[in-house]
Amino acid sequence: MALASGQAGALPVQAYYSQELSSRVRFQQMLLGFDKVHVGPGAPATAAIGQVTADQMGYYHPVEGDYILEAGNYTVSVSQSSDLSGAPSLTIVVPPPQ
């Protein structure tokens, strides 16, 4: 991330995820974590969102009494806001249980 103005400042960095297909009604995108990065003039910066766990991306299943991470494709995107158009992303494939 870098500031377009060429001046020093701070940037918010937010990581969101979405699930391609779910057995439950879920939000279109959900916040995984965020960071505030201090950037020097013209200098790149690195953000640290932290470790992501299956509990963060799953949902609570009352019958199982635990968090469930369904098999399927999950997209993780990083942006300065919740507008993810053009944001870099990656896909995580969770295999079905054996």
PDB file of N, CA and C in Angstrom:
ATOM      1  N   MET A   1       0.849  -1.165   0.000  1.00  0.00           N
ATOM      2  CA  MET A   1       0.000   0.000   0.000  1.00  0.00           C
ATOM      3  C   MET A   1       0.900   1.236   0.000  1.00  0.00           C
ATOM      4  N   ALA A   2       0.463   2.264  -0.668  1.00  0.00           N
ATOM      5  CA  ALA A   2       1.195   3.528  -0.707  1.00  0.00           C
ATOM      6  C   ALA A   2       0.196   4.656  -0.882  1.00  0.00           C
ATOM      7  N   LEU A   3       0.566   5.834  -0.400  1.00  0.00           N
ATOM      8  CA  LEU A   3      -0.290   7.010  -0.554  1.00  0.00           C
ATOM      9  C   LEU A   3      -0.082   7.612  -1.935  1.00  0.00           C
ATOM     10  N   ALA A   4      -1.162   7.966  -2.594  1.00  0.00           N
ATOM     11  CA  ALA A   4      -1.083   8.529  -3.942  1.00  0.00           C
ATOM     12  C   ALA A   4      -0.511   9.944  -3.935  1.00  0.00           C
ATOM     13  N   SER A   5      -0.665  10.668  -2.846  1.00  0.00           N
ATOM     14  CA  SER A   5      -0.239  12.070  -2.793  1.00  0.00           C
ATOM     15  C   SER A   5       1.276  12.235  -2.675  1.00  0.00           C
ATOM     16  N   GLY A   6       2.003  11.177  -2.335  1.00  0.00           N
ATOM     17  CA  GLY A   6       3.445  11.281  -2.158  1.00  0.00           C
ATOM     18  C   GLY A   6       3.834  11.878  -0.813  1.00  0.00           C
ATOM     19  N   GLN A   7       2.875  12.062   0.072  1.00  0.00           N
ATOM     20  CA  GLN A   7       3.158  12.587   1.412  1.00  0.00           C
ATOM     21  C   GLN A   7       3.079  11.453   2.428  1.00  0.00           C
ATOM     22  N   ALA A   8       3.652  11.699   3.600  1.00  0.00           N
ATOM     23  CA  ALA A   8       3.569  10.707   4.679  1.00  0.00           C
ATOM     24  C   ALA A   8       2.157  10.714   5.257  1.00  0.00           C
ATOM     25  N   GLY A   9       1.742   9.573   5.780  1.00  0.00           N
ATOM     26  CA  GLY A   9       0.418   9.493   6.389  1.00  0.00           C
ATOM     27  C   GLY A   9       0.124   8.095   6.871  1.00  0.00           C
ATOM     28  N   ALA A  10      -1.128   7.860   7.186  1.00  0.00           N
ATOM     29  CA  ALA A  10      -1.561   6.548   7.670  1.00  0.00           C
ATOM     30  C   ALA A  10      -2.667   6.020   6.767  1.00  0.00           C
ATOM     31  N   LEU A  11      -2.656   4.715   6.557  1.00  0.00           N
ATOM     32  CA  LEU A  11      -3.658   4.064   5.720  1.00  0.00           C
ATOM     33  C   LEU A  11      -4.333   2.948   6.497  1.00  0.00           C
ATOM     34  N   PRO A  12      -5.651   2.798   6.344  1.00  0.00           N
ATOM     35  CA  PRO A  12      -6.301   1.616   6.886  1.00  0.00           C
ATOM     36  C   PRO A  12      -6.115   0.459   5.901  1.00  0.00           C
ATOM     37  N   VAL A  13      -5.907  -0.732   6.413  1.00  0.00           N
ATOM     38  CA  VAL A  13      -5.825  -1.926   5.586  1.00  0.00           C
ATOM     39  C   VAL A  13      -6.818  -2.921   6.172  1.00  0.00           C
ATOM     40  N   GLN A  14      -7.742  -3.391   5.332  1.00  0.00           N
ATOM     41  CA  GLN A  14      -8.798  -4.269   5.798  1.00  0.00           C
ATOM     42  C   GLN A  14      -8.805  -5.554   4.975  1.00  0.00           C
ATOM     43  N   ALA A  15      -8.984  -6.687   5.648  1.00  0.00           N
ATOM     44  CA  ALA A  15      -9.076  -7.978   4.968  1.00  0.00           C
ATOM     45  C   ALA A  15     -10.501  -8.501   5.128  1.00  0.00           C
ATOM     46  N   TYR A  16     -11.107  -8.873   4.013  1.00  0.00           N
ATOM     47  CA  TYR A  16     -12.467  -9.404   3.989  1.00  0.00           C
ATOM     48  C   TYR A  16     -12.464 -10.785   3.375  1.00  0.00           C
ATOM     49  N   TYR A  17     -13.473 -11.579   3.700  1.00  0.00           N
ATOM     50  CA  TYR A  17     -13.631 -12.870   3.027  1.00  0.00           C
ATOM     51  C   TYR A  17     -15.081 -13.051   2.630  1.00  0.00           C
ATOM     52  N   SER A  18     -15.272 -13.870   1.621  1.00  0.00           N
ATOM     53  CA  SER A  18     -16.610 -14.253   1.197  1.00  0.00           C
ATOM     54  C   SER A  18     -16.598 -15.747   0.890  1.00  0.00           C
ATOM     55  N   GLN A  19     -17.752 -16.359   1.024  1.00  0.00           N
ATOM     56  CA  GLN A  19     -17.887 -17.787   0.763  1.00  0.00           C
ATOM     57  C   GLN A  19     -18.702 -17.947  -0.513  1.00  0.00           C
ATOM     58  N   GLU A  20     -18.188 -18.735  -1.447  1.00  0.00           N
ATOM     59  CA  GLU A  20     -18.840 -18.890  -2.750  1.00  0.00           C
ATOM     60  C   GLU A  20     -20.243 -19.478  -2.625  1.00  0.00           C
ATOM     61  N   LEU A  21     -20.389 -20.535  -1.839  1.00  0.00           N
ATOM     62  CA  LEU A  21     -21.677 -21.208  -1.676  1.00  0.00           C
ATOM     63  C   LEU A  21     -21.774 -21.698  -0.236  1.00  0.00           C
ATOM     64  N   SER A  22     -22.882 -21.363   0.428  1.00  0.00           N
ATOM     65  CA  SER A  22     -23.040 -21.736   1.829  1.00  0.00           C
ATOM     66  C   SER A  22     -24.401 -22.383   2.053  1.00  0.00           C
ATOM     67  N   SER A  23     -24.476 -23.264   3.040  1.00  0.00           N
ATOM     68  CA  SER A  23     -25.749 -23.873   3.394  1.00  0.00           C
ATOM     69  C   SER A  23     -26.580 -22.929   4.262  1.00  0.00           C
ATOM     70  N   ARG A  24     -25.975 -21.831   4.701  1.00  0.00           N
ATOM     71  CA  ARG A  24     -26.636 -20.828   5.540  1.00  0.00           C
ATOM     72  C   ARG A  24     -26.650 -19.489   4.812  1.00  0.00           C
ATOM     73  N   VAL A  25     -27.573 -18.614   5.198  1.00  0.00           N
ATOM     74  CA  VAL A  25     -27.577 -17.254   4.673  1.00  0.00           C
ATOM     75  C   VAL A  25     -26.461 -16.499   5.387  1.00  0.00           C
ATOM     76  N   ARG A  26     -25.538 -15.938   4.591  1.00  0.00           N
ATOM     77  CA  ARG A  26     -24.398 -15.210   5.164  1.00  0.00           C
ATOM     78  C   ARG A  26     -24.246 -13.884   4.448  1.00  0.00           C
ATOM     79  N   PHE A  27     -23.508 -12.966   5.058  1.00  0.00           N
ATOM     80  CA  PHE A  27     -23.236 -11.686   4.421  1.00  0.00           C
ATOM     81  C   PHE A  27     -22.410 -11.903   3.156  1.00  0.00           C
ATOM     82  N   GLN A  28     -22.518 -10.968   2.220  1.00  0.00           N
ATOM     83  CA  GLN A  28     -21.763 -11.073   0.976  1.00  0.00           C
ATOM     84  C   GLN A  28     -20.264 -11.013   1.241  1.00  0.00           C
ATOM     85  N   GLN A  29     -19.835 -10.163   2.177  1.00  0.00           N
ATOM     86  CA  GLN A  29     -18.434 -10.116   2.581  1.00  0.00           C
ATOM     87  C   GLN A  29     -18.370  -9.878   4.083  1.00  0.00           C
ATOM     88  N   MET A  30     -17.356 -10.474   4.714  1.00  0.00           N
ATOM     89  CA  MET A  30     -17.216 -10.370   6.161  1.00  0.00           C
ATOM     90  C   MET A  30     -15.792  -9.952   6.510  1.00  0.00           C
ATOM     91  N   LEU A  31     -15.664  -9.060   7.481  1.00  0.00           N
ATOM     92  CA  LEU A  31     -14.368  -8.532   7.883  1.00  0.00           C
ATOM     93  C   LEU A  31     -13.579  -9.586   8.656  1.00  0.00           C
ATOM     94  N   LEU A  32     -12.351  -9.840   8.204  1.00  0.00           N
ATOM     95  CA  LEU A  32     -11.455 -10.781   8.900  1.00  0.00           C
ATOM     96  C   LEU A  32     -10.550 -10.067   9.885  1.00  0.00           C
ATOM     97  N   GLY A  33     -10.096  -8.891   9.507  1.00  0.00           N
ATOM     98  CA  GLY A  33      -9.183  -8.146  10.365  1.00  0.00           C
ATOM     99  C   GLY A  33      -8.775  -6.850   9.694  1.00  0.00           C
ATOM    100  N   PHE A  34      -8.071  -6.020  10.454  1.00  0.00           N
ATOM    101  CA  PHE A  34      -7.648  -4.734   9.912  1.00  0.00           C
ATOM    102  C   PHE A  34      -6.376  -4.275  10.602  1.00  0.00           C
ATOM    103  N   ASP A  35      -5.730  -3.291   9.997  1.00  0.00           N
ATOM    104  CA  ASP A  35      -4.508  -2.715  10.544  1.00  0.00           C
ATOM    105  C   ASP A  35      -4.427  -1.268  10.088  1.00  0.00           C
ATOM    106  N   LYS A  36      -3.675  -0.466  10.789  1.00  0.00           N
ATOM    107  CA  LYS A  36      -3.395   0.911  10.399  1.00  0.00           C
ATOM    108  C   LYS A  36      -1.902   0.982  10.115  1.00  0.00           C
ATOM    109  N   VAL A  37      -1.568   1.393   8.907  1.00  0.00           N
ATOM    110  CA  VAL A  37      -0.183   1.386   8.463  1.00  0.00           C
ATOM    111  C   VAL A  37       0.297   2.817   8.288  1.00  0.00           C
ATOM    112  N   HIS A  38       1.449   3.136   8.872  1.00  0.00           N
ATOM    113  CA  HIS A  38       2.065   4.459   8.693  1.00  0.00           C
ATOM    114  C   HIS A  38       3.017   4.368   7.506  1.00  0.00           C
ATOM    115  N   VAL A  39       2.811   5.286   6.546  1.00  0.00           N
ATOM    116  CA  VAL A  39       3.544   5.230   5.289  1.00  0.00           C
ATOM    117  C   VAL A  39       4.349   6.515   5.117  1.00  0.00           C
ATOM    118  N   GLY A  40       5.631   6.358   4.738  1.00  0.00           N
ATOM    119  CA  GLY A  40       6.470   7.511   4.437  1.00  0.00           C
ATOM    120  C   GLY A  40       6.235   7.975   3.012  1.00  0.00           C
ATOM    121  N   PRO A  41       6.721   9.165   2.646  1.00  0.00           N
ATOM    122  CA  PRO A  41       6.520   9.677   1.284  1.00  0.00           C
ATOM    123  C   PRO A  41       7.111   8.733   0.235  1.00  0.00           C
ATOM    124  N   GLY A  42       6.265   8.234  -0.648  1.00  0.00           N
ATOM    125  CA  GLY A  42       6.715   7.365  -1.730  1.00  0.00           C
ATOM    126  C   GLY A  42       7.208   5.996  -1.303  1.00  0.00           C
ATOM    127  N   ALA A  43       7.057   5.649  -0.039  1.00  0.00           N
ATOM    128  CA  ALA A  43       7.583   4.374   0.470  1.00  0.00           C
ATOM    129  C   ALA A  43       6.466   3.335   0.554  1.00  0.00           C
ATOM    130  N   PRO A  44       6.770   2.084   0.213  1.00  0.00           N
ATOM    131  CA  PRO A  44       5.766   1.028   0.399  1.00  0.00           C
ATOM    132  C   PRO A  44       5.650   0.669   1.880  1.00  0.00           C
ATOM    133  N   ALA A  45       4.577   0.010   2.230  1.00  0.00           N
ATOM    134  CA  ALA A  45       4.370  -0.391   3.627  1.00  0.00           C
ATOM    135  C   ALA A  45       3.778  -1.793   3.659  1.00  0.00           C
ATOM    136  N   THR A  46       3.977  -2.458   4.777  1.00  0.00           N
ATOM    137  CA  THR A  46       3.449  -3.805   4.982  1.00  0.00           C
ATOM    138  C   THR A  46       2.471  -3.782   6.146  1.00  0.00           C
ATOM    139  N   ALA A  47       1.322  -4.428   5.967  1.00  0.00           N
ATOM    140  CA  ALA A  47       0.323  -4.516   7.029  1.00  0.00           C
ATOM    141  C   ALA A  47       0.356  -5.912   7.629  1.00  0.00           C
ATOM    142  N   ALA A  48       0.020  -6.012   8.913  1.00  0.00           N
ATOM    143  CA  ALA A  48      -0.043  -7.299   9.606  1.00  0.00           C
ATOM    144  C   ALA A  48      -1.453  -7.484  10.141  1.00  0.00           C
ATOM    145  N   ILE A  49      -2.216  -8.323   9.476  1.00  0.00           N
ATOM    146  CA  ILE A  49      -3.594  -8.582   9.888  1.00  0.00           C
ATOM    147  C   ILE A  49      -3.638  -9.630  10.995  1.00  0.00           C
ATOM    148  N   GLY A  50      -2.705 -10.547  10.998  1.00  0.00           N
ATOM    149  CA  GLY A  50      -2.668 -11.588  12.019  1.00  0.00           C
ATOM    150  C   GLY A  50      -3.119 -12.920  11.457  1.00  0.00           C
ATOM    151  N   GLN A  51      -3.023 -13.936  12.263  1.00  0.00           N
ATOM    152  CA  GLN A  51      -3.392 -15.286  11.855  1.00  0.00           C
ATOM    153  C   GLN A  51      -4.909 -15.412  11.775  1.00  0.00           C
ATOM    154  N   VAL A  52      -5.388 -16.048  10.721  1.00  0.00           N
ATOM    155  CA  VAL A  52      -6.816 -16.275  10.528  1.00  0.00           C
ATOM    156  C   VAL A  52      -7.119 -17.726  10.894  1.00  0.00           C
ATOM    157  N   THR A  53      -8.151 -17.922  11.704  1.00  0.00           N
ATOM    158  CA  THR A  53      -8.515 -19.276  12.126  1.00  0.00           C
ATOM    159  C   THR A  53      -9.810 -19.727  11.441  1.00  0.00           C
ATOM    160  N   ALA A  54     -10.047 -21.012  11.458  1.00  0.00           N
ATOM    161  CA  ALA A  54     -11.271 -21.569  10.884  1.00  0.00           C
ATOM    162  C   ALA A  54     -12.506 -21.037  11.608  1.00  0.00           C
ATOM    163  N   ASP A  55     -12.400 -20.777  12.914  1.00  0.00           N
ATOM    164  CA  ASP A  55     -13.528 -20.237  13.673  1.00  0.00           C
ATOM    165  C   ASP A  55     -13.957 -18.871  13.139  1.00  0.00           C
ATOM    166  N   GLN A  56     -12.995 -18.063  12.688  1.00  0.00           N
ATOM    167  CA  GLN A  56     -13.315 -16.729  12.165  1.00  0.00           C
ATOM    168  C   GLN A  56     -14.105 -16.812  10.864  1.00  0.00           C
ATOM    169  N   MET A  57     -13.868 -17.829  10.062  1.00  0.00           N
ATOM    170  CA  MET A  57     -14.517 -17.928   8.762  1.00  0.00           C
ATOM    171  C   MET A  57     -15.717 -18.880   8.786  1.00  0.00           C
ATOM    172  N   GLY A  58     -15.893 -19.585   9.864  1.00  0.00           N
ATOM    173  CA  GLY A  58     -17.000 -20.522   9.972  1.00  0.00           C
ATOM    174  C   GLY A  58     -18.206 -19.896  10.643  1.00  0.00           C
ATOM    175  N   TYR A  59     -19.133 -20.734  11.033  1.00  0.00           N
ATOM    176  CA  TYR A  59     -20.314 -20.282  11.765  1.00  0.00           C
ATOM    177  C   TYR A  59     -20.579 -21.273  12.894  1.00  0.00           C
ATOM    178  N   TYR A  60     -21.266 -20.786  13.916  1.00  0.00           N
ATOM    179  CA  TYR A  60     -21.566 -21.643  15.060  1.00  0.00           C
ATOM    180  C   TYR A  60     -22.730 -22.567  14.712  1.00  0.00           C
ATOM    181  N   HIS A  61     -22.537 -23.862  14.916  1.00  0.00           N
ATOM    182  CA  HIS A  61     -23.560 -24.872  14.644  1.00  0.00           C
ATOM    183  C   HIS A  61     -24.059 -25.380  15.995  1.00  0.00           C
ATOM    184  N   PRO A  62     -25.289 -25.006  16.400  1.00  0.00           N
ATOM    185  CA  PRO A  62     -25.765 -25.359  17.741  1.00  0.00           C
ATOM    186  C   PRO A  62     -25.862 -26.861  18.002  1.00  0.00           C
ATOM    187  N   VAL A  63     -26.172 -27.656  16.983  1.00  0.00           N
ATOM    188  CA  VAL A  63     -26.279 -29.107  17.178  1.00  0.00           C
ATOM    189  C   VAL A  63     -24.895 -29.704  17.436  1.00  0.00           C
ATOM    190  N   GLU A  64     -23.895 -29.235  16.675  1.00  0.00           N
ATOM    191  CA  GLU A  64     -22.519 -29.709  16.855  1.00  0.00           C
ATOM    192  C   GLU A  64     -21.887 -29.114  18.113  1.00  0.00           C
ATOM    193  N   GLY A  65     -22.392 -27.949  18.552  1.00  0.00           N
ATOM    194  CA  GLY A  65     -21.821 -27.282  19.715  1.00  0.00           C
ATOM    195  C   GLY A  65     -20.442 -26.707  19.449  1.00  0.00           C
ATOM    196  N   ASP A  66     -20.170 -26.391  18.184  1.00  0.00           N
ATOM    197  CA  ASP A  66     -18.852 -25.896  17.801  1.00  0.00           C
ATOM    198  C   ASP A  66     -18.974 -25.071  16.515  1.00  0.00           C
ATOM    199  N   TYR A  67     -17.864 -24.417  16.160  1.00  0.00           N
ATOM    200  CA  TYR A  67     -17.826 -23.678  14.902  1.00  0.00           C
ATOM    201  C   TYR A  67     -17.543 -24.636  13.754  1.00  0.00           C
ATOM    202  N   ILE A  68     -18.215 -24.414  12.631  1.00  0.00           N
ATOM    203  CA  ILE A  68     -18.098 -25.259  11.457  1.00  0.00           C
ATOM    204  C   ILE A  68     -17.542 -24.421  10.309  1.00  0.00           C
ATOM    205  N   LEU A  69     -16.542 -24.940   9.640  1.00  0.00           N
ATOM    206  CA  LEU A  69     -16.026 -24.332   8.414  1.00  0.00           C
ATOM    207  C   LEU A  69     -16.426 -25.265   7.283  1.00  0.00           C
ATOM    208  N   GLU A  70     -17.390 -24.823   6.484  1.00  0.00           N
ATOM    209  CA  GLU A  70     -17.904 -25.674   5.408  1.00  0.00           C
ATOM    210  C   GLU A  70     -16.870 -25.842   4.301  1.00  0.00           C
ATOM    211  N   ALA A  71     -16.943 -26.989   3.636  1.00  0.00           N
ATOM    212  CA  ALA A  71     -16.110 -27.213   2.459  1.00  0.00           C
ATOM    213  C   ALA A  71     -16.549 -26.243   1.371  1.00  0.00           C
ATOM    214  N   GLY A  72     -15.597 -25.819   0.541  1.00  0.00           N
ATOM    215  CA  GLY A  72     -15.928 -24.923  -0.564  1.00  0.00           C
ATOM    216  C   GLY A  72     -14.851 -23.896  -0.802  1.00  0.00           C
ATOM    217  N   ASN A  73     -15.174 -22.931  -1.651  1.00  0.00           N
ATOM    218  CA  ASN A  73     -14.232 -21.875  -2.014  1.00  0.00           C
ATOM    219  C   ASN A  73     -14.507 -20.609  -1.211  1.00  0.00           C
ATOM    220  N   TYR A  74     -13.449 -20.046  -0.662  1.00  0.00           N
ATOM    221  CA  TYR A  74     -13.510 -18.797   0.078  1.00  0.00           C
ATOM    222  C   TYR A  74     -12.556 -17.814  -0.591  1.00  0.00           C
ATOM    223  N   THR A  75     -12.999 -16.578  -0.778  1.00  0.00           N
ATOM    224  CA  THR A  75     -12.156 -15.546  -1.366  1.00  0.00           C
ATOM    225  C   THR A  75     -11.768 -14.562  -0.275  1.00  0.00           C
ATOM    226  N   VAL A  76     -10.476 -14.287  -0.159  1.00  0.00           N
ATOM    227  CA  VAL A  76      -9.960 -13.303   0.794  1.00  0.00           C
ATOM    228  C   VAL A  76      -9.434 -12.126  -0.016  1.00  0.00           C
ATOM    229  N   SER A  77      -9.906 -10.915   0.316  1.00  0.00           N
ATOM    230  CA  SER A  77      -9.505  -9.696  -0.393  1.00  0.00           C
ATOM    231  C   SER A  77      -8.967  -8.678   0.601  1.00  0.00           C
ATOM    232  N   VAL A  78      -8.032  -7.850   0.134  1.00  0.00           N
ATOM    233  CA  VAL A  78      -7.422  -6.819   0.973  1.00  0.00           C
ATOM    234  C   VAL A  78      -7.624  -5.477   0.300  1.00  0.00           C
ATOM    235  N   SER A  79      -8.098  -4.491   1.075  1.00  0.00           N
ATOM    236  CA  SER A  79      -8.388  -3.168   0.533  1.00  0.00           C
ATOM    237  C   SER A  79      -8.264  -2.118   1.627  1.00  0.00           C
ATOM    238  N   GLN A  80      -8.375  -0.859   1.230  1.00  0.00           N
ATOM    239  CA  GLN A  80      -8.363   0.238   2.198  1.00  0.00           C
ATOM    240  C   GLN A  80      -9.767   0.557   2.689  1.00  0.00           C
ATOM    241  N   SER A  81     -10.785  -0.096   2.106  1.00  0.00           N
ATOM    242  CA  SER A  81     -12.170   0.115   2.510  1.00  0.00           C
ATOM    243  C   SER A  81     -12.966  -1.152   2.190  1.00  0.00           C
ATOM    244  N   SER A  82     -14.271  -1.106   2.448  1.00  0.00           N
ATOM    245  CA  SER A  82     -15.106  -2.262   2.145  1.00  0.00           C
ATOM    246  C   SER A  82     -15.431  -2.364   0.655  1.00  0.00           C
ATOM    247  N   ASP A  83     -15.043  -1.365  -0.138  1.00  0.00           N
ATOM    248  CA  ASP A  83     -15.194  -1.438  -1.590  1.00  0.00           C
ATOM    249  C   ASP A  83     -14.056  -2.310  -2.124  1.00  0.00           C
ATOM    250  N   LEU A  84     -14.383  -3.515  -2.535  1.00  0.00           N
ATOM    251  CA  LEU A  84     -13.354  -4.474  -2.941  1.00  0.00           C
ATOM    252  C   LEU A  84     -13.144  -4.530  -4.452  1.00  0.00           C
ATOM    253  N   SER A  85     -13.754  -3.613  -5.204  1.00  0.00           N
ATOM    254  CA  SER A  85     -13.574  -3.633  -6.656  1.00  0.00           C
ATOM    255  C   SER A  85     -12.111  -3.350  -6.985  1.00  0.00           C
ATOM    256  N   GLY A  86     -11.500  -4.263  -7.713  1.00  0.00           N
ATOM    257  CA  GLY A  86     -10.088  -4.132  -8.082  1.00  0.00           C
ATOM    258  C   GLY A  86      -9.111  -4.494  -6.985  1.00  0.00           C
ATOM    259  N   ALA A  87      -9.605  -4.952  -5.838  1.00  0.00           N
ATOM    260  CA  ALA A  87      -8.722  -5.299  -4.724  1.00  0.00           C
ATOM    261  C   ALA A  87      -8.033  -6.635  -4.995  1.00  0.00           C
ATOM    262  N   PRO A  88      -6.769  -6.776  -4.574  1.00  0.00           N
ATOM    263  CA  PRO A  88      -6.111  -8.077  -4.723  1.00  0.00           C
ATOM    264  C   PRO A  88      -6.808  -9.127  -3.867  1.00  0.00           C
ATOM    265  N   SER A  89      -6.864 -10.347  -4.378  1.00  0.00           N
ATOM    266  CA  SER A  89      -7.559 -11.398  -3.638  1.00  0.00           C
ATOM    267  C   SER A  89      -6.908 -12.752  -3.898  1.00  0.00           C
ATOM    268  N   LEU A  90      -7.263 -13.697  -3.062  1.00  0.00           N
ATOM    269  CA  LEU A  90      -6.828 -15.077  -3.246  1.00  0.00           C
ATOM    270  C   LEU A  90      -7.977 -15.989  -2.876  1.00  0.00           C
ATOM    271  N   THR A  91      -7.968 -17.193  -3.434  1.00  0.00           N
ATOM    272  CA  THR A  91      -9.019 -18.160  -3.158  1.00  0.00           C
ATOM    273  C   THR A  91      -8.458 -19.287  -2.301  1.00  0.00           C
ATOM    274  N   ILE A  92      -9.173 -19.621  -1.250  1.00  0.00           N
ATOM    275  CA  ILE A  92      -8.826 -20.733  -0.369  1.00  0.00           C
ATOM    276  C   ILE A  92      -9.857 -21.829  -0.605  1.00  0.00           C
ATOM    277  N   VAL A  93      -9.389 -23.030  -0.889  1.00  0.00           N
ATOM    278  CA  VAL A  93     -10.295 -24.153  -1.123  1.00  0.00           C
ATOM    279  C   VAL A  93     -10.258 -25.055   0.113  1.00  0.00           C
ATOM    280  N   VAL A  94     -11.402 -25.197   0.752  1.00  0.00           N
ATOM    281  CA  VAL A  94     -11.533 -26.069   1.926  1.00  0.00           C
ATOM    282  C   VAL A  94     -12.119 -27.392   1.436  1.00  0.00           C
ATOM    283  N   PRO A  95     -11.363 -28.497   1.534  1.00  0.00           N
ATOM    284  CA  PRO A  95     -11.878 -29.781   1.051  1.00  0.00           C
ATOM    285  C   PRO A  95     -12.954 -30.335   1.975  1.00  0.00           C
ATOM    286  N   PRO A  96     -13.815 -31.194   1.428  1.00  0.00           N
ATOM    287  CA  PRO A  96     -14.819 -31.827   2.292  1.00  0.00           C
ATOM    288  C   PRO A  96     -14.155 -32.773   3.283  1.00  0.00           C
ATOM    289  N   PRO A  97     -14.796 -33.021   4.427  1.00  0.00           N
ATOM    290  CA  PRO A  97     -14.225 -33.956   5.399  1.00  0.00           C
ATOM    291  C   PRO A  97     -14.102 -35.357   4.805  1.00  0.00           C
ATOM    292  N   GLN A  98     -13.087 -36.071   5.210  1.00  0.00           N
ATOM    293  CA  GLN A  98     -12.847 -37.429   4.673  1.00  0.00           C
ATOM    294  C   GLN A  98     -13.658 -38.452   5.422  1.00  0.00           C
TER     295      GLN A  98
END
